[in-house]
């Protein structure tokens, strides 16, 4: 059973995840995290002595695990890498539409914002993307794609997914995702 402190910490991470995905790192203030989470004012520095960067790092890690879970769920219910990727794309798209386009990729907003200004958070984002690329490469390899091609193909598929989600959020339309999805399906079918 979780302690009150564990529950507070989890609420802070959950609130931060939602806020940074929608508003970015700089658009999310600690006062807003406290208000959204309902946590006591001093709880951020109690649970996250490294301050905002530690809190955001843990929120990003939780977001990365969420997508890892989506990949695992898609892998358990699909027969090949094409279906796995299409399942992941569908899950991310459904999540985005349900949030009225306030969500897309749970890492991208922060990744774009901090890439040139916060090396530590950029490294966290890169680590998450690297994990996702490796998971995709593993699925592609298991599906019979040539070993020499799987890393490039996984990076290409991830780039198409990320770009499609970004375009869909800005257009407030799932059309860019549907368009990219058709090409991803063809790309993975021809492998």
N, C-alpha and C. Protein backbone atom coordinates (compact mmCIF):
# COMPACT_ATOMS: atom_id res chain seq x y z
N UNK A 1 0.85 -1.18 0.00
CA UNK A 1 0.00 0.00 0.00
C UNK A 1 0.89 1.24 0.00
N UNK A 2 0.56 2.20 -0.86
CA UNK A 2 1.36 3.41 -0.99
C UNK A 2 1.16 4.32 0.22
N UNK A 3 2.23 4.98 0.60
CA UNK A 3 2.13 5.95 1.69
C UNK A 3 1.60 7.27 1.15
N UNK A 4 1.22 8.13 2.06
CA UNK A 4 0.73 9.45 1.66
C UNK A 4 1.81 10.19 0.87
N UNK A 5 3.07 10.06 1.30
CA UNK A 5 4.17 10.70 0.58
C UNK A 5 4.33 10.15 -0.83
N UNK A 6 4.18 8.83 -0.99
CA UNK A 6 4.27 8.23 -2.32
C UNK A 6 3.14 8.72 -3.21
N UNK A 7 1.95 8.85 -2.63
CA UNK A 7 0.80 9.33 -3.40
C UNK A 7 1.00 10.78 -3.83
N UNK A 8 1.53 11.60 -2.94
CA UNK A 8 1.80 13.00 -3.27
C UNK A 8 2.83 13.08 -4.40
N UNK A 9 3.90 12.31 -4.26
CA UNK A 9 4.96 12.29 -5.28
C UNK A 9 4.38 11.87 -6.64
N UNK A 10 3.54 10.84 -6.64
CA UNK A 10 2.92 10.37 -7.88
C UNK A 10 2.01 11.43 -8.49
N UNK A 11 1.26 12.13 -7.65
CA UNK A 11 0.38 13.21 -8.15
C UNK A 11 1.20 14.33 -8.79
N UNK A 12 2.33 14.66 -8.18
CA UNK A 12 3.21 15.70 -8.74
C UNK A 12 3.74 15.28 -10.11
N UNK A 13 4.15 14.03 -10.23
CA UNK A 13 4.66 13.53 -11.51
C UNK A 13 3.56 13.52 -12.55
N UNK A 14 2.38 13.04 -12.18
CA UNK A 14 1.25 13.00 -13.11
C UNK A 14 0.87 14.40 -13.59
N UNK A 15 0.79 15.33 -12.68
CA UNK A 15 0.45 16.71 -13.06
C UNK A 15 1.52 17.30 -13.97
N UNK A 16 2.76 17.06 -13.65
CA UNK A 16 3.86 17.59 -14.45
C UNK A 16 3.82 17.00 -15.85
N UNK A 17 3.59 15.70 -15.95
CA UNK A 17 3.50 15.05 -17.27
C UNK A 17 2.46 15.73 -18.14
N UNK A 18 1.28 15.93 -17.60
CA UNK A 18 0.20 16.53 -18.37
C UNK A 18 0.54 17.97 -18.77
N UNK A 19 1.09 18.71 -17.84
CA UNK A 19 1.39 20.13 -18.11
C UNK A 19 2.52 20.30 -19.10
N UNK A 20 3.60 19.54 -18.95
CA UNK A 20 4.73 19.74 -19.87
C UNK A 20 4.41 19.25 -21.27
N UNK A 21 3.57 18.24 -21.37
CA UNK A 21 3.19 17.77 -22.70
C UNK A 21 2.36 18.82 -23.42
N UNK A 22 1.47 19.47 -22.71
CA UNK A 22 0.60 20.47 -23.32
C UNK A 22 1.27 21.83 -23.46
N UNK A 23 2.09 22.23 -22.46
CA UNK A 23 2.61 23.59 -22.43
C UNK A 23 4.12 23.69 -22.56
N UNK A 24 4.81 22.57 -22.47
CA UNK A 24 6.27 22.59 -22.56
C UNK A 24 6.92 22.86 -21.21
N UNK A 25 8.23 22.79 -21.23
CA UNK A 25 9.04 22.97 -20.02
C UNK A 25 8.89 24.40 -19.50
N UNK A 26 9.12 25.38 -20.36
CA UNK A 26 9.09 26.78 -19.93
C UNK A 26 7.67 27.28 -19.64
N UNK A 27 6.68 26.68 -20.28
CA UNK A 27 5.30 27.09 -20.06
C UNK A 27 4.67 26.50 -18.81
N UNK A 28 5.40 25.61 -18.16
CA UNK A 28 4.88 24.96 -16.96
C UNK A 28 5.61 25.49 -15.73
N UNK A 29 4.87 26.14 -14.86
CA UNK A 29 5.45 26.66 -13.63
C UNK A 29 5.18 25.73 -12.46
N UNK A 30 6.04 25.80 -11.47
CA UNK A 30 5.88 24.94 -10.30
C UNK A 30 4.59 25.25 -9.54
N UNK A 31 4.18 26.51 -9.51
CA UNK A 31 2.92 26.85 -8.85
C UNK A 31 1.74 26.16 -9.54
N UNK A 32 1.80 26.07 -10.86
CA UNK A 32 0.75 25.39 -11.61
C UNK A 32 0.77 23.88 -11.33
N UNK A 33 1.97 23.31 -11.20
CA UNK A 33 2.09 21.89 -10.85
C UNK A 33 1.45 21.64 -9.50
N UNK A 34 1.73 22.51 -8.54
CA UNK A 34 1.16 22.36 -7.19
C UNK A 34 -0.36 22.48 -7.25
N UNK A 35 -0.86 23.47 -7.98
CA UNK A 35 -2.31 23.66 -8.07
C UNK A 35 -2.98 22.48 -8.77
N UNK A 36 -2.40 22.01 -9.84
CA UNK A 36 -2.99 20.89 -10.60
C UNK A 36 -2.95 19.59 -9.80
N UNK A 37 -1.86 19.37 -9.08
CA UNK A 37 -1.70 18.11 -8.33
C UNK A 37 -2.46 18.12 -7.00
N UNK A 38 -2.73 19.32 -6.48
CA UNK A 38 -3.34 19.42 -5.16
C UNK A 38 -2.36 19.09 -4.04
N UNK A 39 -1.08 19.10 -4.36
CA UNK A 39 -0.05 18.76 -3.36
C UNK A 39 0.27 19.98 -2.50
N UNK A 40 0.73 19.73 -1.29
CA UNK A 40 1.14 20.86 -0.43
C UNK A 40 2.31 21.62 -1.06
N UNK A 41 2.40 22.90 -0.79
CA UNK A 41 3.38 23.78 -1.41
C UNK A 41 4.82 23.29 -1.27
N UNK A 42 5.22 22.84 -0.12
CA UNK A 42 6.61 22.43 0.09
C UNK A 42 6.95 21.05 -0.44
N UNK A 43 5.97 20.37 -1.01
CA UNK A 43 6.18 18.97 -1.39
C UNK A 43 7.11 18.80 -2.59
N UNK A 44 7.17 19.78 -3.47
CA UNK A 44 8.05 19.62 -4.65
C UNK A 44 9.49 19.45 -4.21
N UNK A 45 9.98 20.35 -3.39
CA UNK A 45 11.39 20.27 -3.01
C UNK A 45 11.65 19.17 -1.99
N UNK A 46 10.60 18.74 -1.29
CA UNK A 46 10.75 17.58 -0.40
C UNK A 46 10.96 16.31 -1.23
N UNK A 47 10.13 16.12 -2.23
CA UNK A 47 10.19 14.91 -3.06
C UNK A 47 11.19 15.02 -4.21
N UNK A 48 11.48 16.24 -4.63
CA UNK A 48 12.38 16.46 -5.77
C UNK A 48 13.40 17.53 -5.39
N UNK A 49 14.39 17.16 -4.59
CA UNK A 49 15.37 18.16 -4.13
C UNK A 49 16.15 18.80 -5.28
N UNK A 50 16.16 18.16 -6.43
CA UNK A 50 16.81 18.74 -7.61
C UNK A 50 15.93 19.75 -8.32
N UNK A 51 14.76 20.03 -7.78
CA UNK A 51 13.87 21.06 -8.31
C UNK A 51 13.14 20.65 -9.58
N UNK A 52 12.84 21.64 -10.37
CA UNK A 52 12.02 21.45 -11.57
C UNK A 52 12.65 20.44 -12.52
N UNK A 53 13.96 20.51 -12.73
CA UNK A 53 14.58 19.58 -13.67
C UNK A 53 14.43 18.13 -13.22
N UNK A 54 14.57 17.86 -11.93
CA UNK A 54 14.38 16.49 -11.44
C UNK A 54 12.93 16.05 -11.63
N UNK A 55 12.00 16.94 -11.31
CA UNK A 55 10.58 16.62 -11.48
C UNK A 55 10.26 16.34 -12.94
N UNK A 56 10.75 17.17 -13.84
CA UNK A 56 10.50 16.98 -15.27
C UNK A 56 11.18 15.70 -15.76
N UNK A 57 12.38 15.42 -15.29
CA UNK A 57 13.07 14.19 -15.66
C UNK A 57 12.23 12.97 -15.30
N UNK A 58 11.68 12.97 -14.10
CA UNK A 58 10.87 11.83 -13.67
C UNK A 58 9.54 11.77 -14.41
N UNK A 59 8.98 12.93 -14.75
CA UNK A 59 7.75 12.95 -15.54
C UNK A 59 8.01 12.41 -16.95
N UNK A 60 9.14 12.79 -17.54
CA UNK A 60 9.50 12.28 -18.86
C UNK A 60 9.73 10.77 -18.82
N UNK A 61 10.41 10.30 -17.78
CA UNK A 61 10.64 8.86 -17.64
C UNK A 61 9.31 8.11 -17.54
N UNK A 62 8.36 8.66 -16.80
CA UNK A 62 7.04 8.03 -16.69
C UNK A 62 6.34 8.03 -18.05
N UNK A 63 6.47 9.11 -18.80
CA UNK A 63 5.88 9.18 -20.14
C UNK A 63 6.53 8.15 -21.06
N UNK A 64 7.84 8.01 -20.95
CA UNK A 64 8.54 7.01 -21.76
C UNK A 64 8.04 5.61 -21.45
N UNK A 65 7.82 5.33 -20.17
CA UNK A 65 7.29 4.02 -19.78
C UNK A 65 5.87 3.81 -20.31
N UNK A 66 5.09 4.89 -20.39
CA UNK A 66 3.74 4.77 -20.94
C UNK A 66 3.80 4.29 -22.38
N UNK A 67 4.68 4.88 -23.17
CA UNK A 67 4.79 4.46 -24.57
C UNK A 67 5.40 3.06 -24.65
N UNK A 68 6.35 2.75 -23.79
CA UNK A 68 6.88 1.38 -23.74
C UNK A 68 5.73 0.40 -23.52
N UNK A 69 4.81 0.76 -22.64
CA UNK A 69 3.64 -0.08 -22.38
C UNK A 69 2.75 -0.21 -23.60
N UNK A 70 2.58 0.89 -24.34
CA UNK A 70 1.80 0.83 -25.58
C UNK A 70 2.45 -0.11 -26.58
N UNK A 71 3.78 -0.04 -26.68
CA UNK A 71 4.51 -0.92 -27.60
C UNK A 71 4.34 -2.37 -27.17
N UNK A 72 4.49 -2.63 -25.87
CA UNK A 72 4.35 -4.00 -25.36
C UNK A 72 2.93 -4.53 -25.61
N UNK A 73 1.94 -3.68 -25.38
CA UNK A 73 0.55 -4.10 -25.61
C UNK A 73 0.31 -4.39 -27.08
N UNK A 74 0.82 -3.51 -27.95
CA UNK A 74 0.66 -3.73 -29.39
C UNK A 74 1.40 -5.00 -29.82
N UNK A 75 2.59 -5.24 -29.27
CA UNK A 75 3.36 -6.43 -29.62
C UNK A 75 2.63 -7.71 -29.20
N UNK A 76 1.92 -7.64 -28.08
CA UNK A 76 1.22 -8.83 -27.58
C UNK A 76 -0.03 -9.15 -28.38
N UNK A 77 -0.53 -8.18 -29.11
CA UNK A 77 -1.80 -8.39 -29.82
C UNK A 77 -1.67 -8.32 -31.33
N UNK A 78 -0.44 -8.25 -31.84
CA UNK A 78 -0.26 -8.16 -33.28
C UNK A 78 0.60 -9.30 -33.79
N UNK A 79 0.58 -9.49 -35.09
CA UNK A 79 1.31 -10.62 -35.66
C UNK A 79 2.63 -10.23 -36.31
N UNK A 80 2.83 -8.93 -36.57
CA UNK A 80 4.08 -8.53 -37.21
C UNK A 80 4.41 -7.08 -36.88
N UNK A 81 5.59 -6.63 -37.32
CA UNK A 81 6.05 -5.28 -36.98
C UNK A 81 5.17 -4.20 -37.59
N UNK A 82 4.63 -4.46 -38.77
CA UNK A 82 3.74 -3.50 -39.39
C UNK A 82 2.52 -3.25 -38.52
N UNK A 83 1.90 -4.33 -38.06
CA UNK A 83 0.72 -4.19 -37.21
C UNK A 83 1.09 -3.56 -35.85
N UNK A 84 2.26 -3.88 -35.34
CA UNK A 84 2.72 -3.28 -34.08
C UNK A 84 2.81 -1.77 -34.22
N UNK A 85 3.47 -1.31 -35.29
CA UNK A 85 3.64 0.13 -35.50
C UNK A 85 2.30 0.80 -35.74
N UNK A 86 1.45 0.16 -36.51
CA UNK A 86 0.14 0.76 -36.77
C UNK A 86 -0.70 0.80 -35.48
N UNK A 87 -0.55 -0.21 -34.63
CA UNK A 87 -1.24 -0.20 -33.34
C UNK A 87 -0.74 0.92 -32.45
N UNK A 88 0.58 1.11 -32.41
CA UNK A 88 1.16 2.20 -31.62
C UNK A 88 0.70 3.55 -32.16
N UNK A 89 0.76 3.72 -33.46
CA UNK A 89 0.32 4.98 -34.06
C UNK A 89 -1.16 5.23 -33.75
N UNK A 90 -1.96 4.19 -33.82
CA UNK A 90 -3.38 4.34 -33.50
C UNK A 90 -3.60 4.73 -32.04
N UNK A 91 -2.85 4.11 -31.14
CA UNK A 91 -2.99 4.42 -29.71
C UNK A 91 -2.58 5.86 -29.42
N UNK A 92 -1.47 6.30 -30.01
CA UNK A 92 -1.02 7.69 -29.80
C UNK A 92 -2.02 8.68 -30.40
N UNK A 93 -2.58 8.32 -31.55
CA UNK A 93 -3.56 9.20 -32.20
C UNK A 93 -4.85 9.27 -31.38
N UNK A 94 -5.32 8.14 -30.90
CA UNK A 94 -6.52 8.12 -30.07
C UNK A 94 -6.32 8.97 -28.81
N UNK A 95 -5.14 8.86 -28.23
CA UNK A 95 -4.80 9.63 -27.02
C UNK A 95 -4.82 11.13 -27.33
N UNK A 96 -4.28 11.50 -28.49
CA UNK A 96 -4.23 12.90 -28.91
C UNK A 96 -5.64 13.44 -29.15
N UNK A 97 -6.45 12.70 -29.89
CA UNK A 97 -7.81 13.14 -30.21
C UNK A 97 -8.64 13.25 -28.93
N UNK A 98 -8.50 12.27 -28.03
CA UNK A 98 -9.25 12.30 -26.76
C UNK A 98 -8.88 13.52 -25.92
N UNK A 99 -7.65 14.00 -26.06
CA UNK A 99 -7.20 15.19 -25.32
C UNK A 99 -7.44 16.47 -26.11
N UNK A 100 -8.26 16.40 -27.15
CA UNK A 100 -8.55 17.54 -28.02
C UNK A 100 -7.27 18.20 -28.51
N UNK A 101 -6.31 17.36 -28.92
CA UNK A 101 -5.04 17.76 -29.53
C UNK A 101 -4.09 18.49 -28.58
N UNK A 102 -4.34 18.39 -27.27
CA UNK A 102 -3.42 18.96 -26.29
C UNK A 102 -2.25 18.01 -26.04
N UNK A 103 -2.40 16.75 -26.45
CA UNK A 103 -1.35 15.76 -26.29
C UNK A 103 -0.98 15.22 -27.66
N UNK A 104 0.25 14.78 -27.77
CA UNK A 104 0.72 14.10 -28.97
C UNK A 104 1.69 13.04 -28.52
N UNK A 105 2.95 13.25 -28.80
CA UNK A 105 3.98 12.41 -28.21
C UNK A 105 4.25 12.97 -26.82
N UNK A 106 4.31 12.13 -25.79
CA UNK A 106 4.48 12.66 -24.44
C UNK A 106 5.87 13.20 -24.14
N UNK A 107 6.78 13.13 -25.09
CA UNK A 107 8.15 13.62 -24.89
C UNK A 107 8.47 14.79 -25.82
N UNK A 108 7.84 14.86 -26.96
CA UNK A 108 8.23 15.79 -28.03
C UNK A 108 8.22 17.26 -27.62
N UNK A 109 7.21 17.70 -26.91
CA UNK A 109 7.11 19.12 -26.57
C UNK A 109 8.35 19.58 -25.80
N UNK A 110 8.73 18.80 -24.80
CA UNK A 110 9.91 19.15 -24.01
C UNK A 110 11.18 18.96 -24.85
N UNK A 111 11.24 17.88 -25.62
CA UNK A 111 12.44 17.62 -26.43
C UNK A 111 12.74 18.78 -27.37
N UNK A 112 11.72 19.28 -28.03
CA UNK A 112 11.91 20.39 -28.96
C UNK A 112 12.35 21.66 -28.23
N UNK A 113 11.82 21.85 -27.07
CA UNK A 113 12.07 23.08 -26.32
C UNK A 113 13.45 23.12 -25.68
N UNK A 114 13.94 21.99 -25.19
CA UNK A 114 15.18 22.01 -24.40
C UNK A 114 16.41 21.52 -25.16
N UNK A 115 16.24 21.08 -26.39
CA UNK A 115 17.35 20.46 -27.13
C UNK A 115 18.61 21.32 -27.15
N UNK A 116 18.45 22.62 -27.26
CA UNK A 116 19.62 23.50 -27.36
C UNK A 116 19.94 24.24 -26.07
N UNK A 117 19.12 24.05 -25.04
CA UNK A 117 19.31 24.88 -23.85
C UNK A 117 19.49 24.13 -22.54
N UNK A 118 19.17 22.85 -22.50
CA UNK A 118 19.27 22.10 -21.25
C UNK A 118 19.81 20.71 -21.59
N UNK A 119 21.11 20.57 -21.50
CA UNK A 119 21.76 19.32 -21.91
C UNK A 119 21.25 18.11 -21.13
N UNK A 120 20.99 18.28 -19.84
CA UNK A 120 20.55 17.15 -19.03
C UNK A 120 19.18 16.64 -19.48
N UNK A 121 18.23 17.55 -19.68
CA UNK A 121 16.90 17.13 -20.12
C UNK A 121 16.92 16.66 -21.57
N UNK A 122 17.75 17.27 -22.40
CA UNK A 122 17.89 16.79 -23.78
C UNK A 122 18.40 15.36 -23.79
N UNK A 123 19.33 15.05 -22.90
CA UNK A 123 19.85 13.68 -22.81
C UNK A 123 18.77 12.70 -22.36
N UNK A 124 17.91 13.13 -21.44
CA UNK A 124 16.80 12.28 -20.99
C UNK A 124 15.88 11.98 -22.18
N UNK A 125 15.52 13.01 -22.93
CA UNK A 125 14.66 12.83 -24.10
C UNK A 125 15.33 11.93 -25.12
N UNK A 126 16.61 12.14 -25.37
CA UNK A 126 17.34 11.30 -26.32
C UNK A 126 17.34 9.85 -25.86
N UNK A 127 17.53 9.62 -24.57
CA UNK A 127 17.51 8.26 -24.05
C UNK A 127 16.18 7.57 -24.27
N UNK A 128 15.09 8.32 -24.09
CA UNK A 128 13.76 7.75 -24.31
C UNK A 128 13.57 7.42 -25.78
N UNK A 129 13.93 8.35 -26.66
CA UNK A 129 13.81 8.09 -28.10
C UNK A 129 14.69 6.92 -28.52
N UNK A 130 15.89 6.82 -27.96
CA UNK A 130 16.78 5.70 -28.28
C UNK A 130 16.15 4.38 -27.87
N UNK A 131 15.52 4.35 -26.70
CA UNK A 131 14.84 3.14 -26.25
C UNK A 131 13.73 2.75 -27.20
N UNK A 132 12.95 3.71 -27.64
CA UNK A 132 11.86 3.42 -28.57
C UNK A 132 12.40 2.92 -29.91
N UNK A 133 13.47 3.56 -30.40
CA UNK A 133 14.07 3.11 -31.68
C UNK A 133 14.57 1.68 -31.56
N UNK A 134 15.20 1.35 -30.43
CA UNK A 134 15.70 -0.01 -30.23
C UNK A 134 14.54 -1.02 -30.20
N UNK A 135 13.46 -0.65 -29.53
CA UNK A 135 12.30 -1.55 -29.48
C UNK A 135 11.73 -1.77 -30.88
N UNK A 136 11.64 -0.70 -31.65
CA UNK A 136 11.15 -0.84 -33.03
C UNK A 136 12.11 -1.68 -33.86
N UNK A 137 13.41 -1.43 -33.71
CA UNK A 137 14.41 -2.19 -34.46
C UNK A 137 14.32 -3.67 -34.11
N UNK A 138 14.13 -3.98 -32.83
CA UNK A 138 13.99 -5.37 -32.42
C UNK A 138 12.78 -6.04 -33.05
N UNK A 139 11.67 -5.32 -33.11
CA UNK A 139 10.46 -5.86 -33.73
C UNK A 139 10.67 -6.07 -35.22
N UNK A 140 11.34 -5.13 -35.86
CA UNK A 140 11.60 -5.25 -37.30
C UNK A 140 12.53 -6.43 -37.58
N UNK A 141 13.55 -6.58 -36.76
CA UNK A 141 14.48 -7.68 -36.92
C UNK A 141 13.77 -9.02 -36.72
N UNK A 142 12.95 -9.10 -35.69
CA UNK A 142 12.20 -10.34 -35.43
C UNK A 142 11.23 -10.66 -36.55
N UNK A 143 10.82 -9.63 -37.27
CA UNK A 143 9.87 -9.81 -38.36
C UNK A 143 10.56 -10.15 -39.68
N UNK A 144 11.89 -10.24 -39.66
CA UNK A 144 12.60 -10.65 -40.86
C UNK A 144 13.18 -9.55 -41.71
N UNK A 145 13.13 -8.32 -41.25
CA UNK A 145 13.77 -7.24 -42.00
C UNK A 145 15.28 -7.42 -41.92
N UNK A 146 16.01 -7.05 -42.97
CA UNK A 146 17.46 -7.25 -42.98
C UNK A 146 18.15 -6.52 -41.82
N UNK A 147 19.07 -7.19 -41.18
CA UNK A 147 19.81 -6.64 -40.04
C UNK A 147 20.42 -5.29 -40.37
N UNK A 148 20.97 -5.16 -41.57
CA UNK A 148 21.63 -3.92 -41.97
C UNK A 148 20.65 -2.75 -42.09
N UNK A 149 19.37 -3.03 -42.20
CA UNK A 149 18.37 -1.98 -42.43
C UNK A 149 17.56 -1.60 -41.19
N UNK A 150 17.54 -2.44 -40.16
CA UNK A 150 16.56 -2.23 -39.09
C UNK A 150 16.78 -0.93 -38.31
N UNK A 151 18.02 -0.54 -38.08
CA UNK A 151 18.23 0.71 -37.32
C UNK A 151 17.73 1.92 -38.11
N UNK A 152 18.08 1.97 -39.39
CA UNK A 152 17.62 3.08 -40.23
C UNK A 152 16.10 3.07 -40.38
N UNK A 153 15.54 1.90 -40.57
CA UNK A 153 14.09 1.79 -40.74
C UNK A 153 13.36 2.19 -39.46
N UNK A 154 13.88 1.77 -38.31
CA UNK A 154 13.26 2.14 -37.03
C UNK A 154 13.32 3.65 -36.82
N UNK A 155 14.46 4.26 -37.14
CA UNK A 155 14.58 5.72 -37.00
C UNK A 155 13.62 6.43 -37.96
N UNK A 156 13.48 5.92 -39.16
CA UNK A 156 12.58 6.52 -40.14
C UNK A 156 11.13 6.43 -39.68
N UNK A 157 10.74 5.26 -39.20
CA UNK A 157 9.37 5.08 -38.72
C UNK A 157 9.09 5.99 -37.54
N UNK A 158 10.03 6.07 -36.59
CA UNK A 158 9.83 6.94 -35.44
C UNK A 158 9.73 8.41 -35.88
N UNK A 159 10.57 8.81 -36.82
CA UNK A 159 10.52 10.19 -37.32
C UNK A 159 9.17 10.47 -38.01
N UNK A 160 8.67 9.51 -38.75
CA UNK A 160 7.36 9.69 -39.39
C UNK A 160 6.24 9.82 -38.35
N UNK A 161 6.30 8.99 -37.33
CA UNK A 161 5.29 9.06 -36.26
C UNK A 161 5.36 10.41 -35.56
N UNK A 162 6.56 10.81 -35.15
CA UNK A 162 6.72 12.08 -34.43
C UNK A 162 6.27 13.26 -35.29
N UNK A 163 6.68 13.29 -36.54
CA UNK A 163 6.30 14.38 -37.42
C UNK A 163 4.80 14.42 -37.66
N UNK A 164 4.20 13.26 -37.84
CA UNK A 164 2.76 13.19 -38.07
C UNK A 164 1.98 13.69 -36.86
N UNK A 165 2.43 13.31 -35.67
CA UNK A 165 1.75 13.78 -34.46
C UNK A 165 1.88 15.29 -34.30
N UNK A 166 3.05 15.82 -34.61
CA UNK A 166 3.25 17.27 -34.53
C UNK A 166 2.34 18.00 -35.51
N UNK A 167 2.30 17.53 -36.75
CA UNK A 167 1.44 18.17 -37.75
C UNK A 167 -0.03 18.04 -37.38
N UNK A 168 -0.42 16.90 -36.84
CA UNK A 168 -1.81 16.71 -36.44
C UNK A 168 -2.20 17.64 -35.30
N UNK A 169 -1.28 17.81 -34.34
CA UNK A 169 -1.59 18.73 -33.23
C UNK A 169 -1.76 20.15 -33.73
N UNK A 170 -0.87 20.59 -34.61
CA UNK A 170 -0.96 21.97 -35.07
C UNK A 170 -2.17 22.19 -35.97
N UNK A 171 -2.54 21.19 -36.75
CA UNK A 171 -3.71 21.30 -37.64
C UNK A 171 -5.01 20.98 -36.91
N UNK A 172 -4.87 20.39 -35.70
CA UNK A 172 -6.02 19.91 -34.94
C UNK A 172 -6.88 19.00 -35.81
N UNK A 173 -6.15 18.07 -36.47
CA UNK A 173 -6.78 17.12 -37.37
C UNK A 173 -5.94 15.84 -37.40
N UNK A 174 -6.58 14.71 -37.47
CA UNK A 174 -5.84 13.46 -37.54
C UNK A 174 -5.38 13.14 -38.96
N UNK A 175 -5.72 13.97 -39.92
CA UNK A 175 -5.34 13.71 -41.31
C UNK A 175 -3.84 13.47 -41.49
N UNK A 176 -2.94 14.29 -40.93
CA UNK A 176 -1.51 14.01 -41.12
C UNK A 176 -1.09 12.63 -40.59
N UNK A 177 -1.70 12.19 -39.52
CA UNK A 177 -1.38 10.87 -38.98
C UNK A 177 -1.89 9.78 -39.92
N UNK A 178 -3.09 9.96 -40.44
CA UNK A 178 -3.64 8.98 -41.37
C UNK A 178 -2.77 8.89 -42.63
N UNK A 179 -2.32 10.05 -43.12
CA UNK A 179 -1.46 10.07 -44.31
C UNK A 179 -0.14 9.36 -44.04
N UNK A 180 0.50 9.70 -42.94
CA UNK A 180 1.78 9.06 -42.59
C UNK A 180 1.58 7.57 -42.34
N UNK A 181 0.48 7.21 -41.71
CA UNK A 181 0.20 5.81 -41.43
C UNK A 181 0.12 4.97 -42.69
N UNK A 182 -0.50 5.51 -43.72
CA UNK A 182 -0.57 4.76 -44.99
C UNK A 182 0.82 4.50 -45.54
N UNK A 183 1.70 5.49 -45.45
CA UNK A 183 3.06 5.32 -45.98
C UNK A 183 3.91 4.42 -45.08
N UNK A 184 3.71 4.50 -43.79
CA UNK A 184 4.43 3.61 -42.87
C UNK A 184 4.03 2.16 -43.18
N UNK A 185 2.74 1.93 -43.38
CA UNK A 185 2.27 0.58 -43.67
C UNK A 185 2.91 0.05 -44.95
N UNK A 186 2.99 0.88 -45.98
CA UNK A 186 3.64 0.46 -47.23
C UNK A 186 5.12 0.21 -47.04
N UNK A 187 5.76 1.09 -46.30
CA UNK A 187 7.19 0.97 -46.05
C UNK A 187 7.51 -0.34 -45.32
N UNK A 188 6.70 -0.70 -44.35
CA UNK A 188 6.95 -1.92 -43.60
C UNK A 188 6.49 -3.18 -44.32
N UNK A 189 5.56 -3.03 -45.24
CA UNK A 189 5.12 -4.17 -46.04
C UNK A 189 6.16 -4.54 -47.09
N UNK A 190 6.88 -3.55 -47.59
CA UNK A 190 7.84 -3.82 -48.66
C UNK A 190 9.17 -4.31 -48.13
N UNK A 191 9.36 -4.28 -46.77
CA UNK A 191 10.63 -4.70 -46.17
C UNK A 191 10.81 -6.14 -46.28
